[in-house]
Amino acid sequence: MNESTYQGGWKADKKHGYGVRKYSNGDIYRGDYKNGEMHGDGKYTFSDGDYYKGEFEDGYFQGEGKWHYADSDTYKEGTWFEDEYIGE
């Protein structure tokens, strides 16, 4: 079970507005929520230091964003759809 803590806005018993969610595995999301899902601008940092910063929709990396690898200067920047990198 991946338990987490959350601090932020609520609407109709769902995460809504800006919030910070810290997962037990060390991942952290800071950004906007809509109807309980990551939605809008945000940054998702993985426990290994990699992160995605950009647009989210319905819980997915979706829209314009940048994935940065913690162990190098390598990154992917451009359009994303349902967590998949589409390109520039």
PDB file of N, CA and C in Angstrom:
ATOM      1  N   MET A   1       0.840  -1.178   0.000  1.00  0.00           N
ATOM      2  CA  MET A   1       0.000   0.000   0.000  1.00  0.00           C
ATOM      3  C   MET A   1       0.888   1.245   0.000  1.00  0.00           C
ATOM      4  N   ASN A   2       0.576   2.189  -0.873  1.00  0.00           N
ATOM      5  CA  ASN A   2       1.354   3.419  -0.977  1.00  0.00           C
ATOM      6  C   ASN A   2       0.610   4.543  -0.272  1.00  0.00           C
ATOM      7  N   GLU A   3       0.802   4.642   1.020  1.00  0.00           N
ATOM      8  CA  GLU A   3       0.132   5.681   1.802  1.00  0.00           C
ATOM      9  C   GLU A   3       0.806   7.022   1.541  1.00  0.00           C
ATOM     10  N   SER A   4       0.084   8.081   1.826  1.00  0.00           N
ATOM     11  CA  SER A   4       0.639   9.401   1.596  1.00  0.00           C
ATOM     12  C   SER A   4       0.051  10.400   2.575  1.00  0.00           C
ATOM     13  N   THR A   5       0.672  11.580   2.605  1.00  0.00           N
ATOM     14  CA  THR A   5       0.116  12.700   3.360  1.00  0.00           C
ATOM     15  C   THR A   5      -0.210  13.790   2.353  1.00  0.00           C
ATOM     16  N   TYR A   6      -1.189  14.606   2.674  1.00  0.00           N
ATOM     17  CA  TYR A   6      -1.614  15.677   1.772  1.00  0.00           C
ATOM     18  C   TYR A   6      -1.930  16.923   2.576  1.00  0.00           C
ATOM     19  N   GLN A   7      -1.431  18.041   2.085  1.00  0.00           N
ATOM     20  CA  GLN A   7      -1.781  19.342   2.643  1.00  0.00           C
ATOM     21  C   GLN A   7      -2.193  20.222   1.481  1.00  0.00           C
ATOM     22  N   GLY A   8      -3.392  20.761   1.564  1.00  0.00           N
ATOM     23  CA  GLY A   8      -3.842  21.631   0.497  1.00  0.00           C
ATOM     24  C   GLY A   8      -5.350  21.785   0.488  1.00  0.00           C
ATOM     25  N   GLY A   9      -5.847  22.244  -0.647  1.00  0.00           N
ATOM     26  CA  GLY A   9      -7.257  22.540  -0.795  1.00  0.00           C
ATOM     27  C   GLY A   9      -8.129  21.314  -0.993  1.00  0.00           C
ATOM     28  N   TRP A  10      -9.387  21.474  -0.620  1.00  0.00           N
ATOM     29  CA  TRP A  10     -10.400  20.429  -0.760  1.00  0.00           C
ATOM     30  C   TRP A  10     -11.673  21.051  -1.323  1.00  0.00           C
ATOM     31  N   LYS A  11     -12.408  20.236  -2.054  1.00  0.00           N
ATOM     32  CA  LYS A  11     -13.728  20.637  -2.530  1.00  0.00           C
ATOM     33  C   LYS A  11     -14.547  19.363  -2.673  1.00  0.00           C
ATOM     34  N   ALA A  12     -15.687  19.321  -2.012  1.00  0.00           N
ATOM     35  CA  ALA A  12     -16.567  18.143  -2.045  1.00  0.00           C
ATOM     36  C   ALA A  12     -15.792  16.870  -1.691  1.00  0.00           C
ATOM     37  N   ASP A  13     -14.983  16.941  -0.618  1.00  0.00           N
ATOM     38  CA  ASP A  13     -14.195  15.817  -0.110  1.00  0.00           C
ATOM     39  C   ASP A  13     -13.165  15.276  -1.090  1.00  0.00           C
ATOM     40  N   LYS A  14     -12.732  16.088  -2.050  1.00  0.00           N
ATOM     41  CA  LYS A  14     -11.687  15.689  -3.002  1.00  0.00           C
ATOM     42  C   LYS A  14     -10.613  16.764  -3.021  1.00  0.00           C
ATOM     43  N   LYS A  15      -9.356  16.343  -3.267  1.00  0.00           N
ATOM     44  CA  LYS A  15      -8.272  17.313  -3.393  1.00  0.00           C
ATOM     45  C   LYS A  15      -8.626  18.272  -4.519  1.00  0.00           C
ATOM     46  N   HIS A  16      -8.456  19.570  -4.255  1.00  0.00           N
ATOM     47  CA  HIS A  16      -8.841  20.564  -5.251  1.00  0.00           C
ATOM     48  C   HIS A  16      -8.091  21.861  -4.967  1.00  0.00           C
ATOM     49  N   GLY A  17      -7.524  22.475  -6.006  1.00  0.00           N
ATOM     50  CA  GLY A  17      -6.699  23.655  -5.819  1.00  0.00           C
ATOM     51  C   GLY A  17      -5.254  23.239  -5.618  1.00  0.00           C
ATOM     52  N   TYR A  18      -4.453  24.111  -5.032  1.00  0.00           N
ATOM     53  CA  TYR A  18      -3.040  23.807  -4.820  1.00  0.00           C
ATOM     54  C   TYR A  18      -2.865  22.879  -3.616  1.00  0.00           C
ATOM     55  N   GLY A  19      -1.940  21.904  -3.765  1.00  0.00           N
ATOM     56  CA  GLY A  19      -1.641  21.014  -2.654  1.00  0.00           C
ATOM     57  C   GLY A  19      -0.287  20.357  -2.795  1.00  0.00           C
ATOM     58  N   VAL A  20       0.158  19.747  -1.698  1.00  0.00           N
ATOM     59  CA  VAL A  20       1.413  19.001  -1.669  1.00  0.00           C
ATOM     60  C   VAL A  20       1.106  17.608  -1.146  1.00  0.00           C
ATOM     61  N   ARG A  21       1.478  16.596  -1.928  1.00  0.00           N
ATOM     62  CA  ARG A  21       1.253  15.211  -1.528  1.00  0.00           C
ATOM     63  C   ARG A  21       2.603  14.514  -1.448  1.00  0.00           C
ATOM     64  N   LYS A  22       2.872  13.917  -0.283  1.00  0.00           N
ATOM     65  CA  LYS A  22       4.111  13.179  -0.048  1.00  0.00           C
ATOM     66  C   LYS A  22       3.761  11.708   0.107  1.00  0.00           C
ATOM     67  N   TYR A  23       4.341  10.889  -0.751  1.00  0.00           N
ATOM     68  CA  TYR A  23       4.071   9.449  -0.750  1.00  0.00           C
ATOM     69  C   TYR A  23       5.074   8.715   0.135  1.00  0.00           C
ATOM     70  N   SER A  24       4.682   7.571   0.649  1.00  0.00           N
ATOM     71  CA  SER A  24       5.554   6.805   1.534  1.00  0.00           C
ATOM     72  C   SER A  24       6.810   6.302   0.824  1.00  0.00           C
ATOM     73  N   ASN A  25       6.784   6.200  -0.507  1.00  0.00           N
ATOM     74  CA  ASN A  25       7.970   5.743  -1.244  1.00  0.00           C
ATOM     75  C   ASN A  25       8.974   6.864  -1.495  1.00  0.00           C
ATOM     76  N   GLY A  26       8.657   8.100  -1.049  1.00  0.00           N
ATOM     77  CA  GLY A  26       9.557   9.231  -1.199  1.00  0.00           C
ATOM     78  C   GLY A  26       9.205  10.177  -2.331  1.00  0.00           C
ATOM     79  N   ASP A  27       8.262   9.809  -3.195  1.00  0.00           N
ATOM     80  CA  ASP A  27       7.812  10.706  -4.260  1.00  0.00           C
ATOM     81  C   ASP A  27       7.047  11.883  -3.659  1.00  0.00           C
ATOM     82  N   ILE A  28       7.096  13.038  -4.331  1.00  0.00           N
ATOM     83  CA  ILE A  28       6.380  14.237  -3.875  1.00  0.00           C
ATOM     84  C   ILE A  28       5.756  14.930  -5.074  1.00  0.00           C
ATOM     85  N   TYR A  29       4.500  15.320  -4.928  1.00  0.00           N
ATOM     86  CA  TYR A  29       3.834  16.142  -5.939  1.00  0.00           C
ATOM     87  C   TYR A  29       3.468  17.473  -5.309  1.00  0.00           C
ATOM     88  N   ARG A  30       3.825  18.545  -6.003  1.00  0.00           N
ATOM     89  CA  ARG A  30       3.452  19.899  -5.591  1.00  0.00           C
ATOM     90  C   ARG A  30       2.763  20.545  -6.770  1.00  0.00           C
ATOM     91  N   GLY A  31       1.502  20.893  -6.598  1.00  0.00           N
ATOM     92  CA  GLY A  31       0.815  21.530  -7.708  1.00  0.00           C
ATOM     93  C   GLY A  31      -0.687  21.529  -7.556  1.00  0.00           C
ATOM     94  N   ASP A  32      -1.336  21.710  -8.685  1.00  0.00           N
ATOM     95  CA  ASP A  32      -2.784  21.862  -8.714  1.00  0.00           C
ATOM     96  C   ASP A  32      -3.513  20.522  -8.802  1.00  0.00           C
ATOM     97  N   TYR A  33      -4.683  20.503  -8.189  1.00  0.00           N
ATOM     98  CA  TYR A  33      -5.589  19.359  -8.235  1.00  0.00           C
ATOM     99  C   TYR A  33      -6.950  19.822  -8.720  1.00  0.00           C
ATOM    100  N   LYS A  34      -7.655  18.909  -9.347  1.00  0.00           N
ATOM    101  CA  LYS A  34      -9.045  19.148  -9.731  1.00  0.00           C
ATOM    102  C   LYS A  34      -9.797  17.835  -9.546  1.00  0.00           C
ATOM    103  N   ASN A  35     -10.843  17.886  -8.739  1.00  0.00           N
ATOM    104  CA  ASN A  35     -11.665  16.694  -8.478  1.00  0.00           C
ATOM    105  C   ASN A  35     -10.846  15.491  -8.023  1.00  0.00           C
ATOM    106  N   GLY A  36      -9.828  15.741  -7.189  1.00  0.00           N
ATOM    107  CA  GLY A  36      -9.037  14.666  -6.608  1.00  0.00           C
ATOM    108  C   GLY A  36      -7.848  14.206  -7.435  1.00  0.00           C
ATOM    109  N   GLU A  37      -7.691  14.720  -8.662  1.00  0.00           N
ATOM    110  CA  GLU A  37      -6.602  14.306  -9.550  1.00  0.00           C
ATOM    111  C   GLU A  37      -5.616  15.451  -9.762  1.00  0.00           C
ATOM    112  N   MET A  38      -4.347  15.111 -10.031  1.00  0.00           N
ATOM    113  CA  MET A  38      -3.376  16.117 -10.416  1.00  0.00           C
ATOM    114  C   MET A  38      -3.882  16.734 -11.718  1.00  0.00           C
ATOM    115  N   HIS A  39      -4.031  18.048 -11.736  1.00  0.00           N
ATOM    116  CA  HIS A  39      -4.640  18.697 -12.899  1.00  0.00           C
ATOM    117  C   HIS A  39      -4.245  20.172 -12.900  1.00  0.00           C
ATOM    118  N   GLY A  40      -3.532  20.599 -13.935  1.00  0.00           N
ATOM    119  CA  GLY A  40      -3.030  21.968 -14.015  1.00  0.00           C
ATOM    120  C   GLY A  40      -1.513  21.950 -13.971  1.00  0.00           C
ATOM    121  N   ASP A  41      -0.911  22.984 -13.417  1.00  0.00           N
ATOM    122  CA  ASP A  41       0.546  23.061 -13.320  1.00  0.00           C
ATOM    123  C   ASP A  41       1.044  22.369 -12.061  1.00  0.00           C
ATOM    124  N   GLY A  42       2.185  21.680 -12.197  1.00  0.00           N
ATOM    125  CA  GLY A  42       2.750  21.027 -11.032  1.00  0.00           C
ATOM    126  C   GLY A  42       4.127  20.459 -11.281  1.00  0.00           C
ATOM    127  N   LYS A  43       4.690  19.905 -10.217  1.00  0.00           N
ATOM    128  CA  LYS A  43       5.994  19.247 -10.283  1.00  0.00           C
ATOM    129  C   LYS A  43       5.903  17.942  -9.507  1.00  0.00           C
ATOM    130  N   TYR A  44       6.232  16.844 -10.178  1.00  0.00           N
ATOM    131  CA  TYR A  44       6.245  15.526  -9.548  1.00  0.00           C
ATOM    132  C   TYR A  44       7.697  15.094  -9.458  1.00  0.00           C
ATOM    133  N   THR A  45       8.194  14.949  -8.223  1.00  0.00           N
ATOM    134  CA  THR A  45       9.574  14.535  -7.993  1.00  0.00           C
ATOM    135  C   THR A  45       9.586  13.101  -7.496  1.00  0.00           C
ATOM    136  N   PHE A  46      10.344  12.249  -8.199  1.00  0.00           N
ATOM    137  CA  PHE A  46      10.464  10.842  -7.821  1.00  0.00           C
ATOM    138  C   PHE A  46      11.534  10.679  -6.751  1.00  0.00           C
ATOM    139  N   SER A  47      11.463   9.599  -6.004  1.00  0.00           N
ATOM    140  CA  SER A  47      12.390   9.376  -4.894  1.00  0.00           C
ATOM    141  C   SER A  47      13.847   9.306  -5.356  1.00  0.00           C
ATOM    142  N   ASP A  48      14.099   8.954  -6.629  1.00  0.00           N
ATOM    143  CA  ASP A  48      15.468   8.886  -7.135  1.00  0.00           C
ATOM    144  C   ASP A  48      15.998  10.246  -7.589  1.00  0.00           C
ATOM    145  N   GLY A  49      15.156  11.296  -7.504  1.00  0.00           N
ATOM    146  CA  GLY A  49      15.568  12.643  -7.877  1.00  0.00           C
ATOM    147  C   GLY A  49      15.112  13.080  -9.259  1.00  0.00           C
ATOM    148  N   ASP A  50      14.699  12.145 -10.125  1.00  0.00           N
ATOM    149  CA  ASP A  50      14.108  12.536 -11.406  1.00  0.00           C
ATOM    150  C   ASP A  50      12.852  13.352 -11.124  1.00  0.00           C
ATOM    151  N   TYR A  51      12.509  14.265 -12.039  1.00  0.00           N
ATOM    152  CA  TYR A  51      11.256  14.988 -11.851  1.00  0.00           C
ATOM    153  C   TYR A  51      10.645  15.383 -13.187  1.00  0.00           C
ATOM    154  N   TYR A  52       9.330  15.557 -13.138  1.00  0.00           N
ATOM    155  CA  TYR A  52       8.564  16.096 -14.253  1.00  0.00           C
ATOM    156  C   TYR A  52       7.957  17.399 -13.766  1.00  0.00           C
ATOM    157  N   LYS A  53       8.115  18.449 -14.575  1.00  0.00           N
ATOM    158  CA  LYS A  53       7.531  19.741 -14.235  1.00  0.00           C
ATOM    159  C   LYS A  53       6.776  20.236 -15.453  1.00  0.00           C
ATOM    160  N   GLY A  54       5.493  20.520 -15.248  1.00  0.00           N
ATOM    161  CA  GLY A  54       4.697  20.998 -16.362  1.00  0.00           C
ATOM    162  C   GLY A  54       3.217  20.822 -16.121  1.00  0.00           C
ATOM    163  N   GLU A  55       2.507  20.487 -17.184  1.00  0.00           N
ATOM    164  CA  GLU A  55       1.055  20.366 -17.131  1.00  0.00           C
ATOM    165  C   GLU A  55       0.619  18.937 -16.823  1.00  0.00           C
ATOM    166  N   PHE A  56      -0.474  18.860 -16.063  1.00  0.00           N
ATOM    167  CA  PHE A  56      -1.108  17.593 -15.714  1.00  0.00           C
ATOM    168  C   PHE A  56      -2.572  17.676 -16.118  1.00  0.00           C
ATOM    169  N   GLU A  57      -3.139  16.515 -16.445  1.00  0.00           N
ATOM    170  CA  GLU A  57      -4.568  16.455 -16.717  1.00  0.00           C
ATOM    171  C   GLU A  57      -5.089  15.097 -16.265  1.00  0.00           C
ATOM    172  N   ASP A  58      -6.094  15.120 -15.414  1.00  0.00           N
ATOM    173  CA  ASP A  58      -6.723  13.897 -14.906  1.00  0.00           C
ATOM    174  C   ASP A  58      -5.723  12.898 -14.341  1.00  0.00           C
ATOM    175  N   GLY A  59      -4.686  13.401 -13.662  1.00  0.00           N
ATOM    176  CA  GLY A  59      -3.711  12.540 -13.011  1.00  0.00           C
ATOM    177  C   GLY A  59      -2.524  12.139 -13.874  1.00  0.00           C
ATOM    178  N   TYR A  60      -2.507  12.542 -15.128  1.00  0.00           N
ATOM    179  CA  TYR A  60      -1.426  12.193 -16.055  1.00  0.00           C
ATOM    180  C   TYR A  60      -0.515  13.383 -16.315  1.00  0.00           C
ATOM    181  N   PHE A  61       0.764  13.082 -16.689  1.00  0.00           N
ATOM    182  CA  PHE A  61       1.614  14.093 -17.300  1.00  0.00           C
ATOM    183  C   PHE A  61       0.970  14.320 -18.659  1.00  0.00           C
ATOM    184  N   GLN A  62       0.433  15.491 -18.863  1.00  0.00           N
ATOM    185  CA  GLN A  62      -0.283  15.727 -20.117  1.00  0.00           C
ATOM    186  C   GLN A  62      -0.266  17.212 -20.459  1.00  0.00           C
ATOM    187  N   GLY A  63       0.213  17.519 -21.658  1.00  0.00           N
ATOM    188  CA  GLY A  63       0.387  18.893 -22.104  1.00  0.00           C
ATOM    189  C   GLY A  63       1.870  19.171 -22.260  1.00  0.00           C
ATOM    190  N   GLU A  64       2.269  20.395 -22.010  1.00  0.00           N
ATOM    191  CA  GLU A  64       3.679  20.778 -22.138  1.00  0.00           C
ATOM    192  C   GLU A  64       4.392  20.541 -20.808  1.00  0.00           C
ATOM    193  N   GLY A  65       5.574  19.907 -20.893  1.00  0.00           N
ATOM    194  CA  GLY A  65       6.320  19.640 -19.676  1.00  0.00           C
ATOM    195  C   GLY A  65       7.742  19.212 -19.958  1.00  0.00           C
ATOM    196  N   LYS A  66       8.502  19.081 -18.873  1.00  0.00           N
ATOM    197  CA  LYS A  66       9.919  18.726 -18.964  1.00  0.00           C
ATOM    198  C   LYS A  66      10.236  17.638 -17.946  1.00  0.00           C
ATOM    199  N   TRP A  67      10.880  16.581 -18.401  1.00  0.00           N
ATOM    200  CA  TRP A  67      11.366  15.502 -17.535  1.00  0.00           C
ATOM    201  C   TRP A  67      12.867  15.692 -17.395  1.00  0.00           C
ATOM    202  N   HIS A  68      13.336  15.767 -16.168  1.00  0.00           N
ATOM    203  CA  HIS A  68      14.760  15.949 -15.906  1.00  0.00           C
ATOM    204  C   HIS A  68      15.281  14.733 -15.149  1.00  0.00           C
ATOM    205  N   TYR A  69      16.377  14.162 -15.642  1.00  0.00           N
ATOM    206  CA  TYR A  69      17.008  13.026 -14.984  1.00  0.00           C
ATOM    207  C   TYR A  69      17.988  13.535 -13.929  1.00  0.00           C
ATOM    208  N   ALA A  70      17.894  13.024 -12.727  1.00  0.00           N
ATOM    209  CA  ALA A  70      18.710  13.498 -11.606  1.00  0.00           C
ATOM    210  C   ALA A  70      20.196  13.223 -11.791  1.00  0.00           C
ATOM    211  N   ASP A  71      20.544  12.133 -12.464  1.00  0.00           N
ATOM    212  CA  ASP A  71      21.945  11.725 -12.562  1.00  0.00           C
ATOM    213  C   ASP A  71      22.668  12.299 -13.787  1.00  0.00           C
ATOM    214  N   SER A  72      22.033  13.219 -14.516  1.00  0.00           N
ATOM    215  CA  SER A  72      22.685  13.797 -15.690  1.00  0.00           C
ATOM    216  C   SER A  72      22.010  15.117 -16.076  1.00  0.00           C
ATOM    217  N   ASP A  73      22.544  15.721 -17.114  1.00  0.00           N
ATOM    218  CA  ASP A  73      21.946  16.943 -17.647  1.00  0.00           C
ATOM    219  C   ASP A  73      20.907  16.624 -18.713  1.00  0.00           C
ATOM    220  N   THR A  74      20.600  15.354 -18.890  1.00  0.00           N
ATOM    221  CA  THR A  74      19.665  14.927 -19.923  1.00  0.00           C
ATOM    222  C   THR A  74      18.230  15.203 -19.491  1.00  0.00           C
ATOM    223  N   TYR A  75      17.423  15.624 -20.444  1.00  0.00           N
ATOM    224  CA  TYR A  75      16.019  15.858 -20.159  1.00  0.00           C
ATOM    225  C   TYR A  75      15.193  15.691 -21.432  1.00  0.00           C
ATOM    226  N   LYS A  76      13.911  15.533 -21.244  1.00  0.00           N
ATOM    227  CA  LYS A  76      12.946  15.505 -22.343  1.00  0.00           C
ATOM    228  C   LYS A  76      12.019  16.693 -22.128  1.00  0.00           C
ATOM    229  N   GLU A  77      11.870  17.524 -23.151  1.00  0.00           N
ATOM    230  CA  GLU A  77      11.001  18.686 -23.026  1.00  0.00           C
ATOM    231  C   GLU A  77      10.104  18.749 -24.248  1.00  0.00           C
ATOM    232  N   GLY A  78       8.821  18.937 -24.004  1.00  0.00           N
ATOM    233  CA  GLY A  78       7.868  19.025 -25.104  1.00  0.00           C
ATOM    234  C   GLY A  78       6.490  18.590 -24.670  1.00  0.00           C
ATOM    235  N   THR A  79       5.790  17.934 -25.566  1.00  0.00           N
ATOM    236  CA  THR A  79       4.407  17.536 -25.337  1.00  0.00           C
ATOM    237  C   THR A  79       4.328  16.119 -24.772  1.00  0.00           C
ATOM    238  N   TRP A  80       3.430  15.948 -23.808  1.00  0.00           N
ATOM    239  CA  TRP A  80       3.193  14.665 -23.150  1.00  0.00           C
ATOM    240  C   TRP A  80       1.714  14.318 -23.283  1.00  0.00           C
ATOM    241  N   PHE A  81       1.418  13.014 -23.361  1.00  0.00           N
ATOM    242  CA  PHE A  81       0.039  12.538 -23.390  1.00  0.00           C
ATOM    243  C   PHE A  81      -0.057  11.270 -22.561  1.00  0.00           C
ATOM    244  N   GLU A  82      -0.880  11.299 -21.524  1.00  0.00           N
ATOM    245  CA  GLU A  82      -1.074  10.166 -20.605  1.00  0.00           C
ATOM    246  C   GLU A  82       0.247   9.536 -20.182  1.00  0.00           C
ATOM    247  N   ASP A  83       1.133  10.374 -19.642  1.00  0.00           N
ATOM    248  CA  ASP A  83       2.443  10.002 -19.099  1.00  0.00           C
ATOM    249  C   ASP A  83       3.481   9.622 -20.154  1.00  0.00           C
ATOM    250  N   GLU A  84       3.158   9.690 -21.418  1.00  0.00           N
ATOM    251  CA  GLU A  84       4.089   9.340 -22.482  1.00  0.00           C
ATOM    252  C   GLU A  84       4.594  10.592 -23.180  1.00  0.00           C
ATOM    253  N   TYR A  85       5.913  10.622 -23.419  1.00  0.00           N
ATOM    254  CA  TYR A  85       6.526  11.747 -24.128  1.00  0.00           C
ATOM    255  C   TYR A  85       6.211  11.644 -25.608  1.00  0.00           C
ATOM    256  N   ILE A  86       5.625  12.677 -26.178  1.00  0.00           N
ATOM    257  CA  ILE A  86       5.273  12.711 -27.593  1.00  0.00           C
ATOM    258  C   ILE A  86       6.402  13.380 -28.392  1.00  0.00           C
ATOM    259  N   GLY A  87       6.979  14.430 -27.818  1.00  0.00           N
ATOM    260  CA  GLY A  87       8.076  15.128 -28.489  1.00  0.00           C
ATOM    261  C   GLY A  87       7.850  16.615 -28.536  1.00  0.00           C
ATOM    262  N   GLU A  88       8.716  17.255 -29.314  1.00  0.00           N
ATOM    263  CA  GLU A  88       8.661  18.723 -29.415  1.00  0.00           C
ATOM    264  C   GLU A  88       7.696  19.180 -30.480  1.00  0.00           C
TER     265      GLU A  88
END
